[in-house]
Amino acid sequence: MGDFWSHNEVEAIVADYFNMLGKELRGLDYNKTEHRRNLATLLNMRSDGSIERKHQNISAVLIELGFPYVAGYKPLRNYQQLLYEAVSNRLKSNTNLINLVREQINEPAKIPEIDDILASLVKSPSIPTLERHNLRTEVRESTTRYSVDYLALEANNRSLGTAGE
């Protein structure tokens, strides 16, 4: 087994990766392990780890090209030029995938539907007087330590991220 992947191996793994990416973008279920096992039969004695790293390399190329990648394949930037060329060429020829991504980017963020938020309210538990005083002191101390409302920032970031996806 050589260090560099052959042209046929690169084409096979890129095709399989784009297959998974298309399914993910459409919201369809798929099994990465099953894809990897089927792909291994087409490759020259490549280990599971080698295949996984090559998937990560493809993610890095896609990011460099300004394209989304398969969730779970964290980008790994050290890739061969042949892989970059194969991914780039496949992107150029895959207008369906490009249009799918364009549609999702332009789609507005979905607002969750809530029937009646007040129906979910319940009566707060009663706290004995001594414990209530200690609890208020702890809450006051903890809120004065932080000058940034991290929960509000996280909610805003999550909304922005959802809108971006």
Protein backbone atom coordinates (compact mmCIF):
# COMPACT_ATOMS: atom_id res chain seq x y z
CA MET A 1 0.00 0.00 0.00
CA GLY A 2 1.50 3.35 -1.08
CA ASP A 3 1.27 6.66 0.72
CA PHE A 4 -0.36 8.53 -2.17
CA TRP A 5 -3.80 7.70 -3.41
CA SER A 6 -4.19 6.79 -7.08
CA HIS A 7 -6.40 8.78 -9.42
CA ASN A 8 -9.04 6.01 -9.39
CA GLU A 9 -9.05 5.85 -5.60
CA VAL A 10 -9.41 9.62 -5.29
CA GLU A 11 -12.26 9.69 -7.81
CA ALA A 12 -14.05 6.87 -5.96
CA ILE A 13 -13.80 8.49 -2.53
CA VAL A 14 -14.79 11.93 -3.83
CA ALA A 15 -17.85 10.43 -5.57
CA ASP A 16 -18.86 8.65 -2.37
CA TYR A 17 -18.31 11.79 -0.27
CA PHE A 18 -20.48 13.87 -2.62
CA ASN A 19 -23.14 11.17 -2.39
CA MET A 20 -23.15 11.53 1.43
CA LEU A 21 -23.09 15.33 1.20
CA GLY A 22 -26.08 15.34 -1.14
CA LYS A 23 -28.04 13.11 1.23
CA GLU A 24 -27.12 15.27 4.21
CA LEU A 25 -28.15 18.48 2.46
CA ARG A 26 -31.48 16.93 1.49
CA GLY A 27 -32.07 15.79 5.06
CA LEU A 28 -31.94 12.09 4.16
CA ASP A 29 -30.59 9.45 6.52
CA TYR A 30 -27.40 7.62 5.63
CA ASN A 31 -24.80 5.53 7.41
CA LYS A 32 -21.18 6.71 7.20
CA THR A 33 -19.85 3.34 8.33
CA GLU A 34 -21.77 1.57 5.58
CA HIS A 35 -20.44 4.03 3.02
CA ARG A 36 -16.89 3.48 4.27
CA ARG A 37 -17.22 -0.32 4.10
CA ASN A 38 -18.61 -0.21 0.56
CA LEU A 39 -15.90 2.21 -0.48
CA ALA A 40 -13.14 0.04 1.00
CA THR A 41 -13.90 -2.66 -1.59
CA LEU A 42 -13.01 -0.17 -4.36
CA LEU A 43 -9.77 1.00 -2.79
CA ASN A 44 -6.30 -0.52 -2.67
CA MET A 45 -6.21 -2.06 0.82
CA ARG A 46 -6.93 1.23 2.62
CA SER A 47 -7.60 1.11 6.36
CA ASP A 48 -10.73 2.61 7.92
CA GLY A 49 -8.57 5.34 9.44
CA SER A 50 -7.04 6.17 6.08
CA ILE A 51 -10.49 6.48 4.51
CA GLU A 52 -11.71 8.65 7.38
CA ARG A 53 -8.72 10.98 7.06
CA LYS A 54 -9.28 11.28 3.32
CA HIS A 55 -12.90 12.24 4.04
CA GLN A 56 -11.55 14.92 6.38
CA ASN A 57 -9.21 16.10 3.62
CA ILE A 58 -12.20 16.45 1.28
CA SER A 59 -13.93 18.56 3.95
CA ALA A 60 -10.89 20.86 4.05
CA VAL A 61 -10.92 21.24 0.26
CA LEU A 62 -14.64 22.07 0.31
CA ILE A 63 -14.10 24.74 2.95
CA GLU A 64 -11.30 26.23 0.88
CA LEU A 65 -13.71 26.34 -2.08
CA GLY A 66 -16.38 28.02 0.08
CA PHE A 67 -18.68 25.01 0.20
CA PRO A 68 -20.32 23.13 3.09
CA TYR A 69 -19.00 19.74 4.11
CA VAL A 70 -20.34 16.55 5.68
CA ALA A 71 -20.94 16.96 9.40
CA GLY A 72 -18.63 14.78 11.44
CA TYR A 73 -15.70 14.94 9.04
CA LYS A 74 -13.63 17.64 10.68
CA PRO A 75 -11.44 19.32 8.06
CA LEU A 76 -7.88 18.04 7.82
CA ARG A 77 -5.82 20.44 5.72
CA ASN A 78 -2.83 18.35 4.64
CA TYR A 79 -4.09 16.94 1.33
CA GLN A 80 -2.60 16.07 -2.03
CA GLN A 81 -3.11 18.28 -5.10
CA LEU A 82 -4.88 15.45 -6.92
CA LEU A 83 -7.62 15.49 -4.28
CA TYR A 84 -8.09 19.26 -4.62
CA GLU A 85 -8.42 18.93 -8.38
CA ALA A 86 -10.89 16.02 -8.13
CA VAL A 87 -13.14 17.86 -5.65
CA SER A 88 -12.96 21.10 -7.64
CA ASN A 89 -13.82 19.35 -10.92
CA ARG A 90 -16.70 17.46 -9.36
CA LEU A 91 -18.11 20.68 -7.91
CA LYS A 92 -17.93 22.37 -11.31
CA SER A 93 -19.86 19.52 -12.91
CA ASN A 94 -22.42 18.98 -10.13
CA THR A 95 -24.96 21.75 -10.71
CA ASN A 96 -27.66 19.89 -8.75
CA LEU A 97 -25.59 20.02 -5.58
CA ILE A 98 -24.66 23.66 -6.13
CA ASN A 99 -28.32 24.59 -6.66
CA LEU A 100 -29.33 22.66 -3.54
CA VAL A 101 -26.80 24.57 -1.44
CA ARG A 102 -27.85 27.88 -2.99
CA GLU A 103 -31.52 27.17 -2.14
CA GLN A 104 -30.68 26.32 1.46
CA ILE A 105 -28.55 29.43 1.90
CA ASN A 106 -31.30 31.69 0.61
CA GLU A 107 -33.98 29.99 2.69
CA PRO A 108 -35.00 32.11 5.70
CA ALA A 109 -34.53 30.73 9.19
CA LYS A 110 -37.48 28.64 10.31
CA ILE A 111 -39.34 29.98 13.32
CA PRO A 112 -40.39 27.19 15.67
CA GLU A 113 -44.12 26.72 15.99
CA ILE A 114 -45.46 27.00 19.52
CA ASP A 115 -49.13 26.31 20.14
CA ASP A 116 -49.49 27.88 23.55
CA ILE A 117 -46.35 28.64 25.52
CA LEU A 118 -48.34 29.63 28.61
CA ALA A 119 -49.91 26.17 28.78
CA SER A 120 -46.51 24.74 29.71
CA LEU A 121 -46.12 26.95 32.77
CA VAL A 122 -46.30 25.28 36.16
CA LYS A 123 -46.43 26.70 39.65
CA SER A 124 -42.98 27.31 41.08
CA PRO A 125 -41.97 25.12 44.02
CA SER A 126 -42.13 26.65 47.45
CA ILE A 127 -38.82 27.28 49.19
CA PRO A 128 -38.54 27.67 52.97
CA THR A 129 -37.67 31.23 54.06
CA LEU A 130 -34.09 30.50 55.16
CA GLU A 131 -33.24 28.66 51.95
CA ARG A 132 -34.91 31.37 49.86
CA HIS A 133 -32.64 34.01 51.43
CA ASN A 134 -29.49 31.97 50.75
CA LEU A 135 -30.61 31.24 47.20
CA ARG A 136 -31.19 34.93 46.46
CA THR A 137 -27.76 35.79 47.83
CA GLU A 138 -26.11 33.12 45.65
CA VAL A 139 -27.99 34.26 42.56
CA ARG A 140 -27.10 37.90 43.23
CA GLU A 141 -23.41 37.01 43.72
CA SER A 142 -23.28 34.86 40.61
CA THR A 143 -24.97 37.47 38.44
CA THR A 144 -22.67 40.24 39.57
CA ARG A 145 -19.56 38.25 38.61
CA TYR A 146 -20.39 38.25 34.89
CA SER A 147 -20.74 41.38 32.83
CA VAL A 148 -21.77 39.51 29.67
CA ASP A 149 -25.06 37.66 29.23
CA TYR A 150 -23.66 34.49 27.69
CA LEU A 151 -27.05 32.83 27.40
CA ALA A 152 -28.40 35.70 25.31
CA LEU A 153 -25.26 35.66 23.14
CA GLU A 154 -25.57 31.91 22.65
CA ALA A 155 -29.25 32.22 21.69
CA ASN A 156 -28.37 34.94 19.19
CA ASN A 157 -25.47 32.91 17.76
CA ARG A 158 -27.60 29.78 17.49
CA SER A 159 -30.30 31.71 15.63
CA LEU A 160 -27.72 33.24 13.31
CA GLY A 161 -26.12 29.84 12.72
CA THR A 162 -29.47 28.23 11.96
CA ALA A 163 -30.28 31.02 9.55
CA GLY A 164 -26.91 30.50 7.84
CA GLU A 165 -27.45 26.80 7.38
